[in-house]
C-alpha atoms as a PDB file:
ATOM      1  CA  MET A   1      54.267  47.935 -14.090  1.00  0.00           C
ATOM      2  CA  THR A   2      51.843  50.657 -13.317  1.00  0.00           C
ATOM      3  CA  LEU A   3      48.812  49.888 -10.651  1.00  0.00           C
ATOM      4  CA  GLU A   4      46.115  50.239 -13.184  1.00  0.00           C
ATOM      5  CA  GLU A   5      48.170  47.688 -15.829  1.00  0.00           C
ATOM      6  CA  ARG A   6      48.415  45.060 -12.812  1.00  0.00           C
ATOM      7  CA  LEU A   7      44.601  46.172 -11.739  1.00  0.00           C
ATOM      8  CA  ASN A   8      43.582  45.397 -15.875  1.00  0.00           C
ATOM      9  CA  LYS A   9      45.841  42.373 -15.615  1.00  0.00           C
ATOM     10  CA  LEU A  10      44.262  40.435 -12.856  1.00  0.00           C
ATOM     11  CA  LEU A  11      40.900  41.700 -13.464  1.00  0.00           C
ATOM     12  CA  GLU A  12      41.113  40.197 -17.609  1.00  0.00           C
ATOM     13  CA  GLU A  13      42.645  36.619 -15.604  1.00  0.00           C
ATOM     14  CA  LYS A  14      39.506  36.728 -13.296  1.00  0.00           C
ATOM     15  CA  GLU A  15      37.200  36.831 -15.907  1.00  0.00           C
ATOM     16  CA  GLU A  16      39.057  34.169 -17.768  1.00  0.00           C
ATOM     17  CA  GLU A  17      38.176  32.138 -14.607  1.00  0.00           C
ATOM     18  CA  ILE A  18      34.921  33.059 -14.672  1.00  0.00           C
ATOM     19  CA  SER A  19      34.094  32.315 -17.730  1.00  0.00           C
ATOM     20  CA  ASN A  20      35.960  28.654 -17.324  1.00  0.00           C
ATOM     21  CA  LEU A  21      33.664  28.346 -13.768  1.00  0.00           C
ATOM     22  CA  LYS A  22      30.536  29.451 -15.999  1.00  0.00           C
ATOM     23  CA  ALA A  23      31.402  26.430 -18.826  1.00  0.00           C
ATOM     24  CA  ILE A  24      32.290  24.111 -15.963  1.00  0.00           C
ATOM     25  CA  ALA A  25      28.938  24.435 -14.502  1.00  0.00           C
ATOM     26  CA  ASP A  26      26.412  24.660 -17.667  1.00  0.00           C
ATOM     27  CA  ASN A  27      28.420  21.048 -18.519  1.00  0.00           C
ATOM     28  CA  LEU A  28      27.521  19.830 -15.190  1.00  0.00           C
ATOM     29  CA  ARG A  29      24.191  21.226 -15.482  1.00  0.00           C
ATOM     30  CA  VAL A  30      24.191  19.168 -18.876  1.00  0.00           C
ATOM     31  CA  ARG A  31      25.480  15.982 -16.808  1.00  0.00           C
ATOM     32  CA  LEU A  32      22.873  16.676 -14.281  1.00  0.00           C
ATOM     33  CA  ASP A  33      19.673  16.561 -16.399  1.00  0.00           C
ATOM     34  CA  GLY A  34      20.610  13.776 -18.848  1.00  0.00           C
ATOM     35  CA  SER A  35      21.716  10.897 -15.459  1.00  0.00           C
ATOM     36  CA  ALA A  36      18.441   9.022 -14.393  1.00  0.00           C
ATOM     37  CA  THR A  37      17.524  11.554 -11.181  1.00  0.00           C
ATOM     38  CA  GLY A  38      19.447  14.429 -11.702  1.00  0.00           C
ATOM     39  CA  TRP A  39      15.703  16.026 -13.606  1.00  0.00           C
ATOM     40  CA  CYS A  40      14.318  15.865 -10.022  1.00  0.00           C
ATOM     41  CA  MET A  41      16.703  17.820  -8.322  1.00  0.00           C
ATOM     42  CA  ALA A  42      15.607  21.137  -6.435  1.00  0.00           C
ATOM     43  CA  TYR A  43      17.063  24.388  -7.729  1.00  0.00           C
ATOM     44  CA  GLU A  44      17.099  27.899  -6.649  1.00  0.00           C
ATOM     45  CA  ASP A  45      14.972  30.217  -9.244  1.00  0.00           C
ATOM     46  CA  GLU A  46      16.664  33.348  -9.410  1.00  0.00           C
ATOM     47  CA  GLY A  47      14.445  34.819 -12.005  1.00  0.00           C
ATOM     48  CA  PRO A  48      13.617  38.377 -11.625  1.00  0.00           C
ATOM     49  CA  ASP A  49       9.881  38.293 -11.736  1.00  0.00           C
ATOM     50  CA  THR A  50       9.457  34.849  -9.842  1.00  0.00           C
ATOM     51  CA  LYS A  51       8.274  36.528  -6.569  1.00  0.00           C
ATOM     52  CA  GLU A  52       5.434  38.660  -8.631  1.00  0.00           C
ATOM     53  CA  HIS A  53       3.607  35.905  -8.629  1.00  0.00           C
ATOM     54  CA  PRO A  54       1.780  33.684  -5.248  1.00  0.00           C
ATOM     55  CA  LEU A  55       4.369  31.566  -3.281  1.00  0.00           C
ATOM     56  CA  PRO A  56       3.962  28.444  -3.426  1.00  0.00           C
ATOM     57  CA  ARG A  57       2.186  27.911  -7.007  1.00  0.00           C
ATOM     58  CA  LEU A  58       2.244  25.162 -10.293  1.00  0.00           C
ATOM     59  CA  GLU A  59       3.942  25.997 -13.162  1.00  0.00           C
ATOM     60  CA  ILE A  60       4.413  24.175 -16.791  1.00  0.00           C
ATOM     61  CA  VAL A  61       7.682  25.421 -18.398  1.00  0.00           C
ATOM     62  CA  TRP A  62       8.533  25.374 -21.946  1.00  0.00           C
ATOM     63  CA  GLN A  63      12.267  24.591 -22.419  1.00  0.00           C
ATOM     64  CA  ARG A  64      13.971  25.039 -26.506  1.00  0.00           C
ATOM     65  CA  ASP A  65      16.427  23.092 -27.638  1.00  0.00           C
ATOM     66  CA  LYS A  66      19.398  25.726 -27.911  1.00  0.00           C
ATOM     67  CA  ASP A  67      20.478  23.626 -31.087  1.00  0.00           C
ATOM     68  CA  TYR A  68      16.915  22.589 -33.186  1.00  0.00           C
ATOM     69  CA  GLY A  69      14.927  25.017 -31.531  1.00  0.00           C
ATOM     70  CA  TRP A  70      10.881  23.943 -31.178  1.00  0.00           C
ATOM     71  CA  SER A  71      11.993  20.873 -33.036  1.00  0.00           C
ATOM     72  CA  SER A  72      12.991  19.487 -29.884  1.00  0.00           C
ATOM     73  CA  PHE A  73      11.767  20.761 -26.736  1.00  0.00           C
ATOM     74  CA  ARG A  74      10.985  20.022 -23.305  1.00  0.00           C
ATOM     75  CA  THR A  75       8.319  20.926 -20.812  1.00  0.00           C
ATOM     76  CA  GLU A  76       8.677  20.576 -17.405  1.00  0.00           C
ATOM     77  CA  TYR A  77       5.878  20.460 -14.372  1.00  0.00           C
ATOM     78  CA  ARG A  78       7.205  22.268 -11.145  1.00  0.00           C
ATOM     79  CA  LEU A  79       6.134  23.234  -7.760  1.00  0.00           C
ATOM     80  CA  VAL A  80       7.989  26.757  -6.735  1.00  0.00           C
ATOM     81  CA  ALA A  81       7.970  27.580  -3.352  1.00  0.00           C
ATOM     82  CA  GLN A  82       9.736  29.644  -0.933  1.00  0.00           C
ATOM     83  CA  HIS A  83      12.500  28.136   1.116  1.00  0.00           C
ATOM     84  CA  LEU A  84      13.110  28.666   4.869  1.00  0.00           C
ATOM     85  CA  SER A  85      15.986  31.345   4.052  1.00  0.00           C
ATOM     86  CA  GLY A  86      13.795  33.076   1.768  1.00  0.00           C
ATOM     87  CA  SER A  87      15.019  32.246  -1.315  1.00  0.00           C
ATOM     88  CA  VAL A  88      12.313  30.961  -4.067  1.00  0.00           C
ATOM     89  CA  VAL A  89      12.654  27.149  -4.520  1.00  0.00           C
ATOM     90  CA  VAL A  90      11.920  25.229  -7.833  1.00  0.00           C
ATOM     91  CA  TYR A  91      11.310  20.881  -7.343  1.00  0.00           C
ATOM     92  CA  PRO A  92      10.629  19.460 -10.097  1.00  0.00           C
ATOM     93  CA  LEU A  93       7.710  17.132 -10.291  1.00  0.00           C
ATOM     94  CA  GLY A  94       8.286  15.927 -14.248  1.00  0.00           C
ATOM     95  CA  PHE A  95       9.370  16.685 -17.739  1.00  0.00           C
ATOM     96  CA  THR A  96       7.838  15.687 -21.007  1.00  0.00           C
ATOM     97  CA  LYS A  97      10.209  15.532 -23.970  1.00  0.00           C
ATOM     98  CA  HIS A  98       8.495  16.947 -28.033  1.00  0.00           C
ATOM     99  CA  ASN A  99      10.202  15.808 -30.808  1.00  0.00           C
ATOM    100  CA  LYS A 100       8.316  17.971 -33.535  1.00  0.00           C
ATOM    101  CA  GLY A 101       9.105  17.813 -37.050  1.00  0.00           C
ATOM    102  CA  ASN A 102       7.900  20.772 -38.007  1.00  0.00           C
ATOM    103  CA  GLY A 103       9.380  23.094 -35.194  1.00  0.00           C
ATOM    104  CA  GLU A 104       6.164  25.089 -34.616  1.00  0.00           C
ATOM    105  CA  SER A 105       6.126  26.475 -31.327  1.00  0.00           C
ATOM    106  CA  PRO A 106       4.007  25.505 -29.023  1.00  0.00           C
ATOM    107  CA  PHE A 107       2.689  29.439 -28.819  1.00  0.00           C
ATOM    108  CA  ASP A 108       1.971  30.151 -31.637  1.00  0.00           C
ATOM    109  CA  GLN A 109      -1.144  28.915 -31.978  1.00  0.00           C
ATOM    110  CA  ASN A 110      -4.657  29.471 -29.659  1.00  0.00           C
ATOM    111  CA  TYR A 111      -5.518  25.803 -28.248  1.00  0.00           C
ATOM    112  CA  ALA A 112      -8.728  27.263 -25.964  1.00  0.00           C
ATOM    113  CA  ARG A 113     -11.960  26.415 -27.604  1.00  0.00           C
ATOM    114  CA  PRO A 114     -13.299  29.692 -30.025  1.00  0.00           C
ATOM    115  CA  GLY A 115     -14.398  32.796 -28.136  1.00  0.00           C
ATOM    116  CA  GLU A 116     -12.585  31.694 -24.988  1.00  0.00           C
ATOM    117  CA  PRO A 117      -9.024  33.470 -23.845  1.00  0.00           C
ATOM    118  CA  TYR A 118      -5.523  32.613 -25.123  1.00  0.00           C
ATOM    119  CA  LEU A 119      -4.018  28.948 -24.079  1.00  0.00           C
ATOM    120  CA  PRO A 120      -0.893  27.408 -25.338  1.00  0.00           C
ATOM    121  CA  ASP A 121      -0.907  23.916 -26.600  1.00  0.00           C
ATOM    122  CA  MET A 122      -0.251  22.190 -23.680  1.00  0.00           C
ATOM    123  CA  PRO A 123       1.228  18.512 -23.192  1.00  0.00           C
ATOM    124  CA  TRP A 124      -1.868  16.647 -22.498  1.00  0.00           C
ATOM    125  CA  ARG A 125      -1.049  13.978 -19.783  1.00  0.00           C
ATOM    126  CA  MET A 126       1.081  16.435 -17.677  1.00  0.00           C
ATOM    127  CA  GLY A 127      -1.780  19.236 -18.410  1.00  0.00           C
ATOM    128  CA  CYS A 128      -4.307  16.918 -16.678  1.00  0.00           C
ATOM    129  CA  GLU A 129      -2.630  16.176 -14.075  1.00  0.00           C
ATOM    130  CA  ALA A 130      -1.442  19.833 -13.334  1.00  0.00           C
ATOM    131  CA  VAL A 131      -4.677  21.032 -13.120  1.00  0.00           C
ATOM    132  CA  HIS A 132      -5.779  18.134 -11.096  1.00  0.00           C
ATOM    133  CA  ASP A 133      -3.012  18.780  -8.440  1.00  0.00           C
ATOM    134  CA  ALA A 134      -4.142  22.880  -8.665  1.00  0.00           C
ATOM    135  CA  HIS A 135      -7.519  22.237  -7.792  1.00  0.00           C
ATOM    136  CA  HIS A 136      -6.742  19.285  -5.266  1.00  0.00           C
ATOM    137  CA  LEU A 137      -3.546  20.939  -3.420  1.00  0.00           C
ATOM    138  CA  GLY A 138      -5.741  24.356  -3.608  1.00  0.00           C
ATOM    139  CA  LEU A 139      -2.417  26.435  -5.357  1.00  0.00           C
ATOM    140  CA  PRO A 140      -2.848  28.161  -8.370  1.00  0.00           C
ATOM    141  CA  LEU A 141      -1.325  27.077 -11.559  1.00  0.00           C
ATOM    142  CA  TYR A 142       0.815  28.969 -14.489  1.00  0.00           C
ATOM    143  CA  ALA A 143       2.004  28.075 -18.040  1.00  0.00           C
ATOM    144  CA  VAL A 144       5.352  30.201 -17.988  1.00  0.00           C
ATOM    145  CA  THR A 145       5.532  31.429 -22.015  1.00  0.00           C
ATOM    146  CA  PRO A 146       7.319  33.895 -23.762  1.00  0.00           C
ATOM    147  CA  LYS A 147       4.315  36.559 -23.393  1.00  0.00           C
ATOM    148  CA  GLY A 148       5.127  35.828 -19.599  1.00  0.00           C
ATOM    149  CA  TYR A 149       3.342  33.623 -16.626  1.00  0.00           C
ATOM    150  CA  LEU A 150      -0.174  32.977 -17.908  1.00  0.00           C
ATOM    151  CA  ARG A 151      -2.829  31.603 -15.041  1.00  0.00           C
ATOM    152  CA  ILE A 152      -4.666  28.270 -16.051  1.00  0.00           C
ATOM    153  CA  ASP A 153      -6.076  26.852 -13.113  1.00  0.00           C
ATOM    154  CA  ASP A 154      -8.657  29.079 -13.501  1.00  0.00           C
ATOM    155  CA  HIS A 155      -8.963  28.183 -17.284  1.00  0.00           C
ATOM    156  CA  PRO A 156     -12.562  27.981 -18.882  1.00  0.00           C
ATOM    157  CA  THR A 157     -11.015  24.811 -21.087  1.00  0.00           C
ATOM    158  CA  TYR A 158     -10.173  23.354 -17.684  1.00  0.00           C
ATOM    159  CA  LYS A 159     -12.857  24.861 -15.471  1.00  0.00           C
ATOM    160  CA  THR A 160     -15.023  22.155 -17.476  1.00  0.00           C
ATOM    161  CA  GLN A 161     -11.956  19.414 -17.417  1.00  0.00           C
ATOM    162  CA  GLN A 162     -12.402  19.787 -13.549  1.00  0.00           C
ATOM    163  CA  ASN A 163     -16.293  19.370 -13.292  1.00  0.00           C
ATOM    164  CA  LEU A 164     -16.110  16.550 -15.712  1.00  0.00           C
ATOM    165  CA  GLY A 165     -13.368  15.142 -14.059  1.00  0.00           C
ATOM    166  CA  LEU A 166     -14.855  15.224 -10.473  1.00  0.00           C
ATOM    167  CA  GLU A 167     -18.557  14.285 -11.438  1.00  0.00           C
ATOM    168  CA  HIS A 168     -17.068  10.145 -11.145  1.00  0.00           C
ATOM    169  CA  ARG A 169     -16.088  11.027  -8.013  1.00  0.00           C
ATOM    170  CA  LYS A 170     -18.891  11.972  -6.165  1.00  0.00           C
ATOM    171  CA  LEU A 171     -20.478   9.193  -3.294  1.00  0.00           C
ATOM    172  CA  PRO A 172     -23.322   8.352  -2.954  1.00  0.00           C
END
């Protein structure tokens, strides 16, 4: 067996080993997500454009089910911050599961009021909490959509909600 043949055989073996390890990692992720507290564990964000936006920030991310498409999906509310090591870490703050029978994407329509910029279909409670947190913590809030990052804490719809929500909190 030539050196080239041995190297090719070794490369094939290592590629198979990597493939098996990826399958094991995917299986562990699924089991962890399904556990009682697995959803709230911090993880490193290795996305290509994660450092292009301010850190720290709040995000709402839609995750489509692999088997059912948009008929079954979840939204995750999270804090994204830079770790002391320089890596970007995601801290999940909450999630909501959606089971829509029609399979319509939350990005198909503009859910803003007429004449306002585009706004995806936001989960009501989570969206309100996120806007409230962004306002009180002074952090930007982004919706991560297939069209990219969309800053929503300064969207006119949410500015109105912030103002309405804060009126009753003013002390005499």
